[in-house]
N, C-alpha and C. Protein backbone atom coordinates (compact mmCIF):
# COMPACT_ATOMS: atom_id res chain seq x y z
N MET A 1 -16.17 -15.72 -22.76
CA MET A 1 -16.23 -15.23 -21.39
C MET A 1 -17.68 -15.22 -20.95
N ARG A 2 -17.89 -15.66 -19.71
CA ARG A 2 -19.23 -15.62 -19.14
C ARG A 2 -19.14 -15.12 -17.70
N ILE A 3 -20.23 -14.52 -17.22
CA ILE A 3 -20.30 -14.01 -15.86
C ILE A 3 -21.37 -14.80 -15.12
N ILE A 4 -20.98 -15.35 -13.97
CA ILE A 4 -21.89 -16.21 -13.20
C ILE A 4 -21.85 -15.82 -11.72
N ASP A 5 -22.83 -16.34 -10.97
CA ASP A 5 -22.81 -16.18 -9.52
C ASP A 5 -21.65 -17.00 -8.95
N ALA A 6 -20.95 -16.41 -8.00
CA ALA A 6 -19.89 -17.15 -7.31
C ALA A 6 -20.54 -18.09 -6.30
N THR A 7 -20.00 -19.28 -6.19
CA THR A 7 -20.48 -20.27 -5.23
C THR A 7 -19.27 -20.92 -4.56
N LYS A 8 -19.54 -21.74 -3.58
CA LYS A 8 -18.44 -22.49 -2.95
C LYS A 8 -17.91 -23.50 -3.95
N ASN A 9 -16.69 -23.30 -4.36
CA ASN A 9 -16.01 -24.17 -5.31
C ASN A 9 -14.52 -23.97 -5.05
N GLU A 10 -13.87 -24.97 -4.54
CA GLU A 10 -12.48 -24.83 -4.10
C GLU A 10 -11.57 -24.26 -5.18
N HIS A 11 -11.70 -24.77 -6.40
CA HIS A 11 -10.84 -24.32 -7.50
C HIS A 11 -11.09 -22.84 -7.81
N LEU A 12 -12.34 -22.45 -7.97
CA LEU A 12 -12.66 -21.07 -8.30
C LEU A 12 -12.41 -20.14 -7.12
N ASN A 13 -12.73 -20.58 -5.92
CA ASN A 13 -12.54 -19.73 -4.74
C ASN A 13 -11.07 -19.40 -4.51
N ARG A 14 -10.20 -20.35 -4.76
CA ARG A 14 -8.76 -20.08 -4.61
C ARG A 14 -8.32 -19.01 -5.61
N GLN A 15 -8.83 -19.11 -6.83
CA GLN A 15 -8.49 -18.10 -7.84
C GLN A 15 -9.03 -16.72 -7.45
N MET A 16 -10.23 -16.68 -6.89
CA MET A 16 -10.82 -15.42 -6.46
C MET A 16 -9.95 -14.76 -5.39
N ALA A 17 -9.54 -15.53 -4.40
CA ALA A 17 -8.67 -15.00 -3.35
C ALA A 17 -7.34 -14.54 -3.93
N ASP A 18 -6.81 -15.30 -4.88
CA ASP A 18 -5.53 -14.94 -5.51
C ASP A 18 -5.61 -13.62 -6.27
N ILE A 19 -6.69 -13.42 -7.06
CA ILE A 19 -6.74 -12.16 -7.83
C ILE A 19 -7.02 -10.98 -6.92
N LEU A 20 -7.71 -11.21 -5.80
CA LEU A 20 -7.91 -10.12 -4.84
C LEU A 20 -6.58 -9.73 -4.21
N PHE A 21 -5.82 -10.71 -3.77
CA PHE A 21 -4.51 -10.45 -3.17
C PHE A 21 -3.60 -9.73 -4.17
N ASP A 22 -3.52 -10.25 -5.39
CA ASP A 22 -2.67 -9.66 -6.41
C ASP A 22 -3.16 -8.28 -6.84
N GLY A 23 -4.46 -8.13 -6.92
CA GLY A 23 -5.03 -6.87 -7.39
C GLY A 23 -4.74 -5.68 -6.51
N PHE A 24 -4.51 -5.92 -5.23
CA PHE A 24 -4.25 -4.81 -4.31
C PHE A 24 -2.83 -4.82 -3.77
N SER A 25 -1.99 -5.73 -4.25
CA SER A 25 -0.64 -5.90 -3.69
C SER A 25 0.27 -4.70 -3.93
N ASP A 26 0.02 -3.95 -4.99
CA ASP A 26 0.92 -2.83 -5.29
C ASP A 26 0.21 -1.48 -5.21
N THR A 27 -0.86 -1.40 -4.42
CA THR A 27 -1.61 -0.15 -4.32
C THR A 27 -1.22 0.70 -3.11
N GLY A 28 -0.47 0.12 -2.19
CA GLY A 28 -0.09 0.85 -0.99
C GLY A 28 -1.12 0.76 0.12
N THR A 29 -2.23 0.10 -0.14
CA THR A 29 -3.26 -0.07 0.88
C THR A 29 -2.95 -1.28 1.75
N GLU A 30 -3.44 -1.24 2.97
CA GLU A 30 -3.25 -2.38 3.87
C GLU A 30 -4.35 -3.42 3.70
N ALA A 31 -5.42 -3.04 3.02
CA ALA A 31 -6.53 -3.97 2.81
C ALA A 31 -6.08 -5.13 1.92
N TRP A 32 -6.52 -6.31 2.26
CA TRP A 32 -6.26 -7.52 1.49
C TRP A 32 -4.76 -7.76 1.28
N SER A 33 -3.98 -7.47 2.31
CA SER A 33 -2.53 -7.65 2.21
C SER A 33 -2.08 -9.05 2.61
N THR A 34 -3.04 -9.87 3.08
CA THR A 34 -2.72 -11.26 3.41
C THR A 34 -3.76 -12.17 2.76
N MET A 35 -3.37 -13.40 2.50
CA MET A 35 -4.32 -14.36 1.94
C MET A 35 -5.44 -14.65 2.93
N GLU A 36 -5.15 -14.55 4.21
CA GLU A 36 -6.19 -14.76 5.23
C GLU A 36 -7.31 -13.72 5.08
N GLU A 37 -6.93 -12.45 4.88
CA GLU A 37 -7.93 -11.40 4.67
C GLU A 37 -8.72 -11.65 3.38
N CYS A 38 -8.04 -12.08 2.36
CA CYS A 38 -8.70 -12.35 1.07
C CYS A 38 -9.68 -13.50 1.20
N THR A 39 -9.31 -14.53 1.93
CA THR A 39 -10.19 -15.67 2.14
C THR A 39 -11.39 -15.27 2.99
N GLU A 40 -11.17 -14.42 3.97
CA GLU A 40 -12.27 -13.92 4.80
C GLU A 40 -13.26 -13.12 3.94
N THR A 41 -12.76 -12.27 3.07
CA THR A 41 -13.62 -11.50 2.16
C THR A 41 -14.38 -12.44 1.24
N LEU A 42 -13.70 -13.45 0.73
CA LEU A 42 -14.34 -14.45 -0.13
C LEU A 42 -15.50 -15.12 0.60
N ASN A 43 -15.25 -15.62 1.80
CA ASN A 43 -16.30 -16.31 2.56
C ASN A 43 -17.47 -15.38 2.86
N ASP A 44 -17.18 -14.14 3.20
CA ASP A 44 -18.22 -13.15 3.46
C ASP A 44 -19.05 -12.87 2.20
N SER A 45 -18.39 -12.87 1.05
CA SER A 45 -19.08 -12.55 -0.21
C SER A 45 -20.08 -13.62 -0.62
N LEU A 46 -19.97 -14.81 -0.08
CA LEU A 46 -20.85 -15.91 -0.46
C LEU A 46 -22.11 -15.99 0.39
N LYS A 47 -22.28 -15.03 1.30
CA LYS A 47 -23.50 -14.99 2.11
C LYS A 47 -24.69 -14.62 1.23
N LYS A 48 -25.87 -15.03 1.64
CA LYS A 48 -27.08 -14.78 0.85
C LYS A 48 -27.41 -13.29 0.74
N THR A 49 -26.88 -12.47 1.63
CA THR A 49 -27.17 -11.04 1.59
C THR A 49 -26.28 -10.29 0.60
N LYS A 50 -25.42 -10.99 -0.07
CA LYS A 50 -24.45 -10.37 -0.99
C LYS A 50 -24.71 -10.80 -2.43
N ILE A 51 -24.23 -9.97 -3.34
CA ILE A 51 -24.10 -10.37 -4.74
C ILE A 51 -22.61 -10.61 -4.94
N SER A 52 -22.26 -11.78 -5.42
CA SER A 52 -20.86 -12.11 -5.70
C SER A 52 -20.83 -12.75 -7.08
N ARG A 53 -20.22 -12.06 -8.03
CA ARG A 53 -20.23 -12.50 -9.42
C ARG A 53 -18.79 -12.60 -9.93
N ILE A 54 -18.55 -13.60 -10.76
CA ILE A 54 -17.21 -13.78 -11.34
C ILE A 54 -17.31 -13.93 -12.85
N ALA A 55 -16.28 -13.45 -13.52
CA ALA A 55 -16.15 -13.64 -14.96
C ALA A 55 -15.17 -14.79 -15.17
N LEU A 56 -15.58 -15.73 -16.02
CA LEU A 56 -14.75 -16.90 -16.31
C LEU A 56 -14.42 -16.94 -17.79
N ASP A 57 -13.21 -17.40 -18.12
CA ASP A 57 -12.88 -17.62 -19.52
C ASP A 57 -13.33 -19.02 -19.91
N ASP A 58 -13.03 -19.43 -21.13
CA ASP A 58 -13.48 -20.73 -21.63
C ASP A 58 -12.86 -21.91 -20.88
N SER A 59 -11.76 -21.66 -20.16
CA SER A 59 -11.10 -22.72 -19.38
C SER A 59 -11.50 -22.68 -17.91
N ASP A 60 -12.53 -21.90 -17.59
CA ASP A 60 -13.00 -21.72 -16.21
C ASP A 60 -11.95 -21.09 -15.31
N GLU A 61 -11.16 -20.19 -15.88
CA GLU A 61 -10.23 -19.40 -15.08
C GLU A 61 -10.93 -18.09 -14.73
N VAL A 62 -10.82 -17.67 -13.47
CA VAL A 62 -11.47 -16.44 -13.01
C VAL A 62 -10.70 -15.24 -13.56
N LEU A 63 -11.43 -14.36 -14.24
CA LEU A 63 -10.84 -13.16 -14.82
C LEU A 63 -11.14 -11.92 -13.99
N ALA A 64 -12.31 -11.90 -13.34
CA ALA A 64 -12.72 -10.73 -12.56
C ALA A 64 -13.76 -11.14 -11.54
N TRP A 65 -13.96 -10.26 -10.55
CA TRP A 65 -14.86 -10.57 -9.44
C TRP A 65 -15.49 -9.28 -8.94
N THR A 66 -16.80 -9.30 -8.71
CA THR A 66 -17.49 -8.18 -8.07
C THR A 66 -18.24 -8.69 -6.84
N ILE A 67 -18.33 -7.81 -5.84
CA ILE A 67 -19.11 -8.09 -4.64
C ILE A 67 -19.97 -6.86 -4.37
N GLY A 68 -21.22 -7.11 -4.03
CA GLY A 68 -22.12 -6.03 -3.66
C GLY A 68 -22.99 -6.43 -2.49
N GLU A 69 -23.54 -5.42 -1.82
CA GLU A 69 -24.40 -5.68 -0.67
C GLU A 69 -25.59 -4.74 -0.72
N GLU A 70 -26.75 -5.26 -0.36
CA GLU A 70 -27.95 -4.43 -0.30
C GLU A 70 -27.80 -3.44 0.84
N VAL A 71 -28.03 -2.15 0.56
CA VAL A 71 -27.88 -1.13 1.61
C VAL A 71 -29.23 -0.62 2.08
N TYR A 72 -30.25 -0.71 1.27
CA TYR A 72 -31.61 -0.36 1.65
C TYR A 72 -32.51 -1.48 1.15
N THR A 73 -33.61 -1.71 1.85
CA THR A 73 -34.55 -2.73 1.41
C THR A 73 -35.06 -2.36 0.03
N GLY A 74 -35.03 -3.30 -0.85
CA GLY A 74 -35.46 -3.04 -2.22
C GLY A 74 -34.34 -3.30 -3.18
N HIS A 75 -34.12 -2.36 -4.06
CA HIS A 75 -33.14 -2.58 -5.13
C HIS A 75 -31.97 -1.60 -5.08
N THR A 76 -31.53 -1.25 -3.90
CA THR A 76 -30.38 -0.37 -3.77
C THR A 76 -29.20 -1.19 -3.25
N TRP A 77 -28.20 -1.31 -4.09
CA TRP A 77 -27.03 -2.11 -3.76
C TRP A 77 -25.78 -1.25 -3.82
N GLU A 78 -24.82 -1.59 -3.01
CA GLU A 78 -23.53 -0.91 -3.00
C GLU A 78 -22.47 -1.85 -3.55
N LEU A 79 -21.71 -1.37 -4.51
CA LEU A 79 -20.59 -2.14 -5.03
C LEU A 79 -19.46 -2.05 -4.00
N GLU A 80 -19.08 -3.18 -3.45
CA GLU A 80 -18.03 -3.22 -2.44
C GLU A 80 -16.66 -3.49 -3.03
N LEU A 81 -16.64 -4.25 -4.12
CA LEU A 81 -15.36 -4.68 -4.67
C LEU A 81 -15.50 -4.97 -6.16
N LEU A 82 -14.53 -4.53 -6.89
CA LEU A 82 -14.38 -4.91 -8.30
C LEU A 82 -12.89 -5.11 -8.52
N VAL A 83 -12.51 -6.32 -8.86
CA VAL A 83 -11.10 -6.61 -9.11
C VAL A 83 -11.00 -7.44 -10.39
N VAL A 84 -10.01 -7.08 -11.21
CA VAL A 84 -9.77 -7.76 -12.49
C VAL A 84 -8.37 -8.36 -12.45
N ARG A 85 -8.27 -9.59 -12.91
CA ARG A 85 -6.96 -10.25 -13.00
C ARG A 85 -6.00 -9.35 -13.78
N ARG A 86 -4.80 -9.24 -13.30
CA ARG A 86 -3.80 -8.33 -13.88
C ARG A 86 -3.66 -8.52 -15.39
N GLU A 87 -3.62 -9.76 -15.85
CA GLU A 87 -3.43 -10.05 -17.28
C GLU A 87 -4.66 -9.70 -18.11
N SER A 88 -5.78 -9.46 -17.46
CA SER A 88 -7.04 -9.19 -18.17
C SER A 88 -7.43 -7.72 -18.14
N LYS A 89 -6.61 -6.89 -17.54
CA LYS A 89 -6.92 -5.46 -17.44
C LYS A 89 -6.82 -4.77 -18.79
N LEU A 90 -7.51 -3.64 -18.89
CA LEU A 90 -7.51 -2.77 -20.07
C LEU A 90 -8.12 -3.44 -21.29
N LYS A 91 -9.09 -4.33 -21.05
CA LYS A 91 -9.79 -5.01 -22.14
C LYS A 91 -11.30 -4.82 -22.04
N GLY A 92 -11.73 -3.91 -21.16
CA GLY A 92 -13.15 -3.64 -21.01
C GLY A 92 -13.88 -4.56 -20.05
N LEU A 93 -13.15 -5.42 -19.38
CA LEU A 93 -13.77 -6.39 -18.49
C LEU A 93 -14.37 -5.73 -17.25
N GLY A 94 -13.70 -4.74 -16.71
CA GLY A 94 -14.24 -4.02 -15.56
C GLY A 94 -15.58 -3.38 -15.88
N ARG A 95 -15.69 -2.79 -17.06
CA ARG A 95 -16.93 -2.18 -17.51
C ARG A 95 -18.03 -3.23 -17.63
N LYS A 96 -17.69 -4.38 -18.20
CA LYS A 96 -18.67 -5.47 -18.34
C LYS A 96 -19.13 -5.97 -16.96
N MET A 97 -18.21 -6.03 -16.02
CA MET A 97 -18.58 -6.47 -14.67
C MET A 97 -19.52 -5.46 -14.01
N LEU A 98 -19.26 -4.16 -14.22
CA LEU A 98 -20.14 -3.13 -13.68
C LEU A 98 -21.53 -3.21 -14.30
N GLU A 99 -21.58 -3.40 -15.61
CA GLU A 99 -22.87 -3.53 -16.29
C GLU A 99 -23.63 -4.74 -15.75
N ASP A 100 -22.95 -5.84 -15.55
CA ASP A 100 -23.57 -7.04 -14.99
C ASP A 100 -24.09 -6.77 -13.58
N PHE A 101 -23.31 -6.08 -12.78
CA PHE A 101 -23.71 -5.76 -11.41
C PHE A 101 -24.98 -4.91 -11.41
N GLU A 102 -25.04 -3.93 -12.30
CA GLU A 102 -26.21 -3.07 -12.39
C GLU A 102 -27.46 -3.85 -12.79
N GLU A 103 -27.30 -4.86 -13.63
CA GLU A 103 -28.43 -5.68 -14.06
C GLU A 103 -28.94 -6.58 -12.94
N GLU A 104 -28.05 -6.99 -12.06
CA GLU A 104 -28.45 -7.88 -10.96
C GLU A 104 -29.32 -7.12 -10.00
């Protein structure tokens, strides 16, 4: 498993939108309830003002995704999103993504 910056990549971006949609589908929230909303969040996350990081397995399948945004000039960032693929939950991946976000 490796964690990298998210970039425009059709294959990876589709997976990112899919895990976001699936990750919130059974929470009762209205956020990210359509693929259109998920794609909009994806596109927004790739702006230069954001941190967008993904965890990939050895087959380049997206396992998790974090998004953050600078809230004050300097090194203060807000974590906006952390989502882990359903099949990858409860394996410490969320913790690893948070640690990676803090290092960025």
